[in-house]
Amino acid sequence: MNIYSVNLSGPAPWGFRLQGGKDFSMPLTVSRLTPGGKAAQAGVGVGDWVVSISDTNAEDMTHVEAQNQIRAATDSLTLTLSK
């Protein structure tokens, strides 16, 4: 596993979609990128696992908890991901 971090400058949209979460019994992963969006420009890849969102461990997050954590980031969003 190759773990890396990206810091996306705000405001939203961040340019990615997530799938999975504890409530789906699947790890949180990036399911889609907006071409040319902030996440794509930062090197985020489709299928990358989300390890943490703004320094909060994402392993036990439900999908909605992850969405809320991302929405709470207004000026910048830091993601730790695994390829």
PDB file of N, CA and C in Angstrom:
ATOM      1  N   MET A   1       0.844  -1.182   0.000  1.00  0.00           N
ATOM      2  CA  MET A   1       0.000   0.000   0.000  1.00  0.00           C
ATOM      3  C   MET A   1       0.888   1.244   0.000  1.00  0.00           C
ATOM      4  N   ASN A   2       0.529   2.177  -0.830  1.00  0.00           N
ATOM      5  CA  ASN A   2       1.253   3.431  -0.932  1.00  0.00           C
ATOM      6  C   ASN A   2       0.370   4.527  -0.340  1.00  0.00           C
ATOM      7  N   ILE A   3       0.710   5.000   0.869  1.00  0.00           N
ATOM      8  CA  ILE A   3      -0.094   6.016   1.555  1.00  0.00           C
ATOM      9  C   ILE A   3       0.470   7.398   1.242  1.00  0.00           C
ATOM     10  N   TYR A   4      -0.427   8.326   0.917  1.00  0.00           N
ATOM     11  CA  TYR A   4      -0.023   9.697   0.598  1.00  0.00           C
ATOM     12  C   TYR A   4      -1.099  10.662   1.070  1.00  0.00           C
ATOM     13  N   SER A   5      -0.733  11.926   1.202  1.00  0.00           N
ATOM     14  CA  SER A   5      -1.674  12.963   1.634  1.00  0.00           C
ATOM     15  C   SER A   5      -1.775  14.048   0.576  1.00  0.00           C
ATOM     16  N   VAL A   6      -2.966  14.622   0.472  1.00  0.00           N
ATOM     17  CA  VAL A   6      -3.181  15.774  -0.396  1.00  0.00           C
ATOM     18  C   VAL A   6      -3.892  16.849   0.419  1.00  0.00           C
ATOM     19  N   ASN A   7      -3.587  18.095   0.108  1.00  0.00           N
ATOM     20  CA  ASN A   7      -4.270  19.225   0.734  1.00  0.00           C
ATOM     21  C   ASN A   7      -4.919  20.026  -0.386  1.00  0.00           C
ATOM     22  N   LEU A   8      -6.244  20.016  -0.404  1.00  0.00           N
ATOM     23  CA  LEU A   8      -6.994  20.723  -1.436  1.00  0.00           C
ATOM     24  C   LEU A   8      -7.414  22.079  -0.877  1.00  0.00           C
ATOM     25  N   SER A   9      -7.122  23.143  -1.612  1.00  0.00           N
ATOM     26  CA  SER A   9      -7.493  24.493  -1.187  1.00  0.00           C
ATOM     27  C   SER A   9      -8.945  24.763  -1.536  1.00  0.00           C
ATOM     28  N   GLY A  10      -9.656  25.374  -0.591  1.00  0.00           N
ATOM     29  CA  GLY A  10     -11.080  25.632  -0.739  1.00  0.00           C
ATOM     30  C   GLY A  10     -11.373  26.871  -1.534  1.00  0.00           C
ATOM     31  N   PRO A  11     -12.616  27.085  -1.741  1.00  0.00           N
ATOM     32  CA  PRO A  11     -13.766  26.334  -1.240  1.00  0.00           C
ATOM     33  C   PRO A  11     -14.117  25.147  -2.144  1.00  0.00           C
ATOM     34  N   ALA A  12     -15.128  24.378  -1.694  1.00  0.00           N
ATOM     35  CA  ALA A  12     -15.650  23.269  -2.503  1.00  0.00           C
ATOM     36  C   ALA A  12     -16.210  23.848  -3.796  1.00  0.00           C
ATOM     37  N   PRO A  13     -16.382  23.103  -4.851  1.00  0.00           N
ATOM     38  CA  PRO A  13     -16.309  21.638  -4.924  1.00  0.00           C
ATOM     39  C   PRO A  13     -14.871  21.128  -4.976  1.00  0.00           C
ATOM     40  N   TRP A  14     -14.688  19.935  -4.389  1.00  0.00           N
ATOM     41  CA  TRP A  14     -13.367  19.332  -4.298  1.00  0.00           C
ATOM     42  C   TRP A  14     -13.049  18.472  -5.518  1.00  0.00           C
ATOM     43  N   GLY A  15     -14.067  18.037  -6.236  1.00  0.00           N
ATOM     44  CA  GLY A  15     -13.832  17.323  -7.491  1.00  0.00           C
ATOM     45  C   GLY A  15     -13.729  15.820  -7.381  1.00  0.00           C
ATOM     46  N   PHE A  16     -14.378  15.221  -6.365  1.00  0.00           N
ATOM     47  CA  PHE A  16     -14.383  13.759  -6.270  1.00  0.00           C
ATOM     48  C   PHE A  16     -15.668  13.275  -5.617  1.00  0.00           C
ATOM     49  N   ARG A  17     -15.950  11.996  -5.827  1.00  0.00           N
ATOM     50  CA  ARG A  17     -17.094  11.329  -5.199  1.00  0.00           C
ATOM     51  C   ARG A  17     -16.572  10.132  -4.432  1.00  0.00           C
ATOM     52  N   LEU A  18     -17.246   9.801  -3.328  1.00  0.00           N
ATOM     53  CA  LEU A  18     -16.874   8.645  -2.528  1.00  0.00           C
ATOM     54  C   LEU A  18     -17.916   7.553  -2.644  1.00  0.00           C
ATOM     55  N   GLN A  19     -17.452   6.331  -2.412  1.00  0.00           N
ATOM     56  CA  GLN A  19     -18.377   5.213  -2.260  1.00  0.00           C
ATOM     57  C   GLN A  19     -17.925   4.415  -1.052  1.00  0.00           C
ATOM     58  N   GLY A  20     -18.839   3.609  -0.510  1.00  0.00           N
ATOM     59  CA  GLY A  20     -18.510   2.757   0.628  1.00  0.00           C
ATOM     60  C   GLY A  20     -18.704   3.453   1.954  1.00  0.00           C
ATOM     61  N   GLY A  21     -18.139   2.849   2.976  1.00  0.00           N
ATOM     62  CA  GLY A  21     -18.284   3.315   4.344  1.00  0.00           C
ATOM     63  C   GLY A  21     -18.673   2.146   5.227  1.00  0.00           C
ATOM     64  N   LYS A  22     -18.555   2.348   6.521  1.00  0.00           N
ATOM     65  CA  LYS A  22     -18.848   1.287   7.493  1.00  0.00           C
ATOM     66  C   LYS A  22     -20.258   0.728   7.299  1.00  0.00           C
ATOM     67  N   ASP A  23     -21.206   1.603   6.984  1.00  0.00           N
ATOM     68  CA  ASP A  23     -22.593   1.158   6.817  1.00  0.00           C
ATOM     69  C   ASP A  23     -22.791   0.312   5.560  1.00  0.00           C
ATOM     70  N   PHE A  24     -21.844   0.338   4.633  1.00  0.00           N
ATOM     71  CA  PHE A  24     -21.917  -0.480   3.424  1.00  0.00           C
ATOM     72  C   PHE A  24     -20.969  -1.683   3.501  1.00  0.00           C
ATOM     73  N   SER A  25     -20.288  -1.832   4.652  1.00  0.00           N
ATOM     74  CA  SER A  25     -19.294  -2.900   4.850  1.00  0.00           C
ATOM     75  C   SER A  25     -18.230  -2.876   3.755  1.00  0.00           C
ATOM     76  N   MET A  26     -17.874  -1.675   3.326  1.00  0.00           N
ATOM     77  CA  MET A  26     -16.833  -1.465   2.315  1.00  0.00           C
ATOM     78  C   MET A  26     -15.969  -0.296   2.754  1.00  0.00           C
ATOM     79  N   PRO A  27     -14.678  -0.332   2.435  1.00  0.00           N
ATOM     80  CA  PRO A  27     -13.849   0.837   2.761  1.00  0.00           C
ATOM     81  C   PRO A  27     -14.292   2.042   1.938  1.00  0.00           C
ATOM     82  N   LEU A  28     -14.091   3.228   2.486  1.00  0.00           N
ATOM     83  CA  LEU A  28     -14.360   4.458   1.739  1.00  0.00           C
ATOM     84  C   LEU A  28     -13.340   4.557   0.616  1.00  0.00           C
ATOM     85  N   THR A  29     -13.824   4.690  -0.597  1.00  0.00           N
ATOM     86  CA  THR A  29     -12.936   4.816  -1.749  1.00  0.00           C
ATOM     87  C   THR A  29     -13.423   5.932  -2.661  1.00  0.00           C
ATOM     88  N   VAL A  30     -12.499   6.461  -3.440  1.00  0.00           N
ATOM     89  CA  VAL A  30     -12.828   7.481  -4.436  1.00  0.00           C
ATOM     90  C   VAL A  30     -13.460   6.754  -5.616  1.00  0.00           C
ATOM     91  N   SER A  31     -14.689   7.115  -5.944  1.00  0.00           N
ATOM     92  CA  SER A  31     -15.394   6.421  -7.030  1.00  0.00           C
ATOM     93  C   SER A  31     -15.393   7.202  -8.338  1.00  0.00           C
ATOM     94  N   ARG A  32     -15.185   8.529  -8.239  1.00  0.00           N
ATOM     95  CA  ARG A  32     -15.227   9.341  -9.459  1.00  0.00           C
ATOM     96  C   ARG A  32     -14.458  10.631  -9.238  1.00  0.00           C
ATOM     97  N   LEU A  33     -13.824  11.113 -10.292  1.00  0.00           N
ATOM     98  CA  LEU A  33     -13.116  12.383 -10.263  1.00  0.00           C
ATOM     99  C   LEU A  33     -13.677  13.303 -11.333  1.00  0.00           C
ATOM    100  N   THR A  34     -13.744  14.579 -11.024  1.00  0.00           N
ATOM    101  CA  THR A  34     -14.111  15.576 -12.015  1.00  0.00           C
ATOM    102  C   THR A  34     -12.859  15.879 -12.835  1.00  0.00           C
ATOM    103  N   PRO A  35     -12.911  15.694 -14.165  1.00  0.00           N
ATOM    104  CA  PRO A  35     -11.728  16.000 -14.979  1.00  0.00           C
ATOM    105  C   PRO A  35     -11.269  17.443 -14.758  1.00  0.00           C
ATOM    106  N   GLY A  36      -9.997  17.612 -14.426  1.00  0.00           N
ATOM    107  CA  GLY A  36      -9.452  18.942 -14.186  1.00  0.00           C
ATOM    108  C   GLY A  36      -9.792  19.523 -12.828  1.00  0.00           C
ATOM    109  N   GLY A  37     -10.512  18.762 -12.000  1.00  0.00           N
ATOM    110  CA  GLY A  37     -10.907  19.251 -10.682  1.00  0.00           C
ATOM    111  C   GLY A  37      -9.746  19.256  -9.698  1.00  0.00           C
ATOM    112  N   LYS A  38      -9.997  19.808  -8.524  1.00  0.00           N
ATOM    113  CA  LYS A  38      -8.947  19.956  -7.513  1.00  0.00           C
ATOM    114  C   LYS A  38      -8.333  18.621  -7.122  1.00  0.00           C
ATOM    115  N   ALA A  39      -9.154  17.598  -6.922  1.00  0.00           N
ATOM    116  CA  ALA A  39      -8.631  16.288  -6.524  1.00  0.00           C
ATOM    117  C   ALA A  39      -7.789  15.667  -7.637  1.00  0.00           C
ATOM    118  N   ALA A  40      -8.259  15.755  -8.871  1.00  0.00           N
ATOM    119  CA  ALA A  40      -7.511  15.196 -10.002  1.00  0.00           C
ATOM    120  C   ALA A  40      -6.169  15.904 -10.160  1.00  0.00           C
ATOM    121  N   GLN A  41      -6.163  17.212 -10.015  1.00  0.00           N
ATOM    122  CA  GLN A  41      -4.921  17.974 -10.137  1.00  0.00           C
ATOM    123  C   GLN A  41      -3.933  17.627  -9.028  1.00  0.00           C
ATOM    124  N   ALA A  42      -4.440  17.198  -7.864  1.00  0.00           N
ATOM    125  CA  ALA A  42      -3.583  16.854  -6.730  1.00  0.00           C
ATOM    126  C   ALA A  42      -3.067  15.416  -6.816  1.00  0.00           C
ATOM    127  N   GLY A  43      -3.524  14.654  -7.823  1.00  0.00           N
ATOM    128  CA  GLY A  43      -3.032  13.292  -8.000  1.00  0.00           C
ATOM    129  C   GLY A  43      -3.884  12.212  -7.369  1.00  0.00           C
ATOM    130  N   VAL A  44      -5.085  12.549  -6.914  1.00  0.00           N
ATOM    131  CA  VAL A  44      -5.999  11.552  -6.367  1.00  0.00           C
ATOM    132  C   VAL A  44      -6.441  10.632  -7.504  1.00  0.00           C
ATOM    133  N   GLY A  45      -6.572   9.351  -7.216  1.00  0.00           N
ATOM    134  CA  GLY A  45      -6.960   8.392  -8.247  1.00  0.00           C
ATOM    135  C   GLY A  45      -8.254   7.680  -7.909  1.00  0.00           C
ATOM    136  N   VAL A  46      -9.006   7.306  -8.936  1.00  0.00           N
ATOM    137  CA  VAL A  46     -10.212   6.504  -8.738  1.00  0.00           C
ATOM    138  C   VAL A  46      -9.787   5.163  -8.142  1.00  0.00           C
ATOM    139  N   GLY A  47     -10.492   4.739  -7.107  1.00  0.00           N
ATOM    140  CA  GLY A  47     -10.171   3.489  -6.427  1.00  0.00           C
ATOM    141  C   GLY A  47      -9.279   3.651  -5.212  1.00  0.00           C
ATOM    142  N   ASP A  48      -8.733   4.853  -5.002  1.00  0.00           N
ATOM    143  CA  ASP A  48      -7.895   5.089  -3.830  1.00  0.00           C
ATOM    144  C   ASP A  48      -8.745   4.988  -2.559  1.00  0.00           C
ATOM    145  N   TRP A  49      -8.194   4.356  -1.526  1.00  0.00           N
ATOM    146  CA  TRP A  49      -8.872   4.231  -0.240  1.00  0.00           C
ATOM    147  C   TRP A  49      -8.646   5.484   0.582  1.00  0.00           C
ATOM    148  N   VAL A  50      -9.691   5.920   1.291  1.00  0.00           N
ATOM    149  CA  VAL A  50      -9.589   7.084   2.168  1.00  0.00           C
ATOM    150  C   VAL A  50      -9.176   6.597   3.558  1.00  0.00           C
ATOM    151  N   VAL A  51      -7.982   6.998   3.985  1.00  0.00           N
ATOM    152  CA  VAL A  51      -7.451   6.614   5.291  1.00  0.00           C
ATOM    153  C   VAL A  51      -7.915   7.596   6.361  1.00  0.00           C
ATOM    154  N   SER A  52      -7.837   8.904   6.046  1.00  0.00           N
ATOM    155  CA  SER A  52      -8.315   9.918   6.987  1.00  0.00           C
ATOM    156  C   SER A  52      -8.803  11.147   6.228  1.00  0.00           C
ATOM    157  N   ILE A  53      -9.712  11.861   6.888  1.00  0.00           N
ATOM    158  CA  ILE A  53     -10.265  13.107   6.354  1.00  0.00           C
ATOM    159  C   ILE A  53      -9.997  14.173   7.399  1.00  0.00           C
ATOM    160  N   SER A  54      -9.214  15.177   7.037  1.00  0.00           N
ATOM    161  CA  SER A  54      -8.854  16.256   7.962  1.00  0.00           C
ATOM    162  C   SER A  54      -8.350  15.701   9.293  1.00  0.00           C
ATOM    163  N   ASP A  55      -7.413  14.764   9.225  1.00  0.00           N
ATOM    164  CA  ASP A  55      -6.767  14.149  10.391  1.00  0.00           C
ATOM    165  C   ASP A  55      -7.702  13.315  11.260  1.00  0.00           C
ATOM    166  N   THR A  56      -8.876  12.957  10.761  1.00  0.00           N
ATOM    167  CA  THR A  56      -9.789  12.073  11.474  1.00  0.00           C
ATOM    168  C   THR A  56      -9.797  10.730  10.755  1.00  0.00           C
ATOM    169  N   ASN A  57      -9.507   9.660  11.498  1.00  0.00           N
ATOM    170  CA  ASN A  57      -9.458   8.322  10.924  1.00  0.00           C
ATOM    171  C   ASN A  57     -10.790   7.993  10.241  1.00  0.00           C
ATOM    172  N   ALA A  58     -10.729   7.560   9.002  1.00  0.00           N
ATOM    173  CA  ALA A  58     -11.945   7.293   8.231  1.00  0.00           C
ATOM    174  C   ALA A  58     -12.334   5.813   8.226  1.00  0.00           C
ATOM    175  N   GLU A  59     -11.542   4.974   8.875  1.00  0.00           N
ATOM    176  CA  GLU A  59     -11.765   3.530   8.811  1.00  0.00           C
ATOM    177  C   GLU A  59     -13.159   3.120   9.289  1.00  0.00           C
ATOM    178  N   ASP A  60     -13.642   3.730  10.375  1.00  0.00           N
ATOM    179  CA  ASP A  60     -14.939   3.351  10.940  1.00  0.00           C
ATOM    180  C   ASP A  60     -16.056   4.340  10.618  1.00  0.00           C
ATOM    181  N   MET A  61     -15.826   5.243   9.655  1.00  0.00           N
ATOM    182  CA  MET A  61     -16.849   6.229   9.291  1.00  0.00           C
ATOM    183  C   MET A  61     -17.921   5.611   8.396  1.00  0.00           C
ATOM    184  N   THR A  62     -19.162   6.027   8.650  1.00  0.00           N
ATOM    185  CA  THR A  62     -20.220   5.704   7.695  1.00  0.00           C
ATOM    186  C   THR A  62     -20.082   6.659   6.515  1.00  0.00           C
ATOM    187  N   HIS A  63     -20.824   6.380   5.462  1.00  0.00           N
ATOM    188  CA  HIS A  63     -20.759   7.229   4.283  1.00  0.00           C
ATOM    189  C   HIS A  63     -21.179   8.665   4.627  1.00  0.00           C
ATOM    190  N   VAL A  64     -22.251   8.795   5.392  1.00  0.00           N
ATOM    191  CA  VAL A  64     -22.761  10.125   5.757  1.00  0.00           C
ATOM    192  C   VAL A  64     -21.779  10.857   6.672  1.00  0.00           C
ATOM    193  N   GLU A  65     -21.143  10.138   7.602  1.00  0.00           N
ATOM    194  CA  GLU A  65     -20.146  10.777   8.465  1.00  0.00           C
ATOM    195  C   GLU A  65     -18.987  11.333   7.637  1.00  0.00           C
ATOM    196  N   ALA A  66     -18.559  10.573   6.630  1.00  0.00           N
ATOM    197  CA  ALA A  66     -17.486  11.042   5.753  1.00  0.00           C
ATOM    198  C   ALA A  66     -17.929  12.278   4.975  1.00  0.00           C
ATOM    199  N   GLN A  67     -19.139  12.250   4.440  1.00  0.00           N
ATOM    200  CA  GLN A  67     -19.663  13.408   3.709  1.00  0.00           C
ATOM    201  C   GLN A  67     -19.709  14.637   4.610  1.00  0.00           C
ATOM    202  N   ASN A  68     -20.163  14.465   5.843  1.00  0.00           N
ATOM    203  CA  ASN A  68     -20.258  15.587   6.776  1.00  0.00           C
ATOM    204  C   ASN A  68     -18.883  16.130   7.135  1.00  0.00           C
ATOM    205  N   GLN A  69     -17.903  15.243   7.292  1.00  0.00           N
ATOM    206  CA  GLN A  69     -16.535  15.677   7.599  1.00  0.00           C
ATOM    207  C   GLN A  69     -15.980  16.501   6.433  1.00  0.00           C
ATOM    208  N   ILE A  70     -16.268  16.075   5.213  1.00  0.00           N
ATOM    209  CA  ILE A  70     -15.800  16.798   4.019  1.00  0.00           C
ATOM    210  C   ILE A  70     -16.516  18.148   3.900  1.00  0.00           C
ATOM    211  N   ARG A  71     -17.813  18.162   4.146  1.00  0.00           N
ATOM    212  CA  ARG A  71     -18.569  19.421   4.070  1.00  0.00           C
ATOM    213  C   ARG A  71     -18.103  20.431   5.109  1.00  0.00           C
ATOM    214  N   ALA A  72     -17.626  19.940   6.258  1.00  0.00           N
ATOM    215  CA  ALA A  72     -17.178  20.822   7.333  1.00  0.00           C
ATOM    216  C   ALA A  72     -15.884  21.540   6.964  1.00  0.00           C
ATOM    217  N   ALA A  73     -15.160  21.017   5.989  1.00  0.00           N
ATOM    218  CA  ALA A  73     -13.909  21.646   5.551  1.00  0.00           C
ATOM    219  C   ALA A  73     -14.251  22.741   4.543  1.00  0.00           C
ATOM    220  N   THR A  74     -14.108  23.985   4.960  1.00  0.00           N
ATOM    221  CA  THR A  74     -14.507  25.082   4.079  1.00  0.00           C
ATOM    222  C   THR A  74     -13.329  25.727   3.363  1.00  0.00           C
ATOM    223  N   ASP A  75     -12.211  25.928   4.078  1.00  0.00           N
ATOM    224  CA  ASP A  75     -11.059  26.608   3.480  1.00  0.00           C
ATOM    225  C   ASP A  75     -10.069  25.662   2.844  1.00  0.00           C
ATOM    226  N   SER A  76      -9.935  24.474   3.418  1.00  0.00           N
ATOM    227  CA  SER A  76      -9.044  23.470   2.833  1.00  0.00           C
ATOM    228  C   SER A  76      -9.466  22.096   3.331  1.00  0.00           C
ATOM    229  N   LEU A  77      -9.116  21.094   2.548  1.00  0.00           N
ATOM    230  CA  LEU A  77      -9.461  19.711   2.871  1.00  0.00           C
ATOM    231  C   LEU A  77      -8.192  18.887   2.757  1.00  0.00           C
ATOM    232  N   THR A  78      -7.833  18.216   3.837  1.00  0.00           N
ATOM    233  CA  THR A  78      -6.677  17.334   3.833  1.00  0.00           C
ATOM    234  C   THR A  78      -7.154  15.893   3.855  1.00  0.00           C
ATOM    235  N   LEU A  79      -6.709  15.130   2.872  1.00  0.00           N
ATOM    236  CA  LEU A  79      -7.049  13.713   2.780  1.00  0.00           C
ATOM    237  C   LEU A  79      -5.773  12.890   2.841  1.00  0.00           C
ATOM    238  N   THR A  80      -5.820  11.813   3.589  1.00  0.00           N
ATOM    239  CA  THR A  80      -4.771  10.804   3.532  1.00  0.00           C
ATOM    240  C   THR A  80      -5.389   9.617   2.816  1.00  0.00           C
ATOM    241  N   LEU A  81      -4.718   9.171   1.759  1.00  0.00           N
ATOM    242  CA  LEU A  81      -5.256   8.137   0.880  1.00  0.00           C
ATOM    243  C   LEU A  81      -4.243   7.011   0.708  1.00  0.00           C
ATOM    244  N   SER A  82      -4.742   5.868   0.229  1.00  0.00           N
ATOM    245  CA  SER A  82      -3.881   4.732  -0.051  1.00  0.00           C
ATOM    246  C   SER A  82      -4.194   4.211  -1.434  1.00  0.00           C
ATOM    247  N   LYS A  83      -3.147   4.051  -2.256  1.00  0.00           N
ATOM    248  CA  LYS A  83      -3.320   3.539  -3.616  1.00  0.00           C
ATOM    249  C   LYS A  83      -3.334   2.033  -3.602  1.00  0.00           C
TER     250      LYS A  83
END
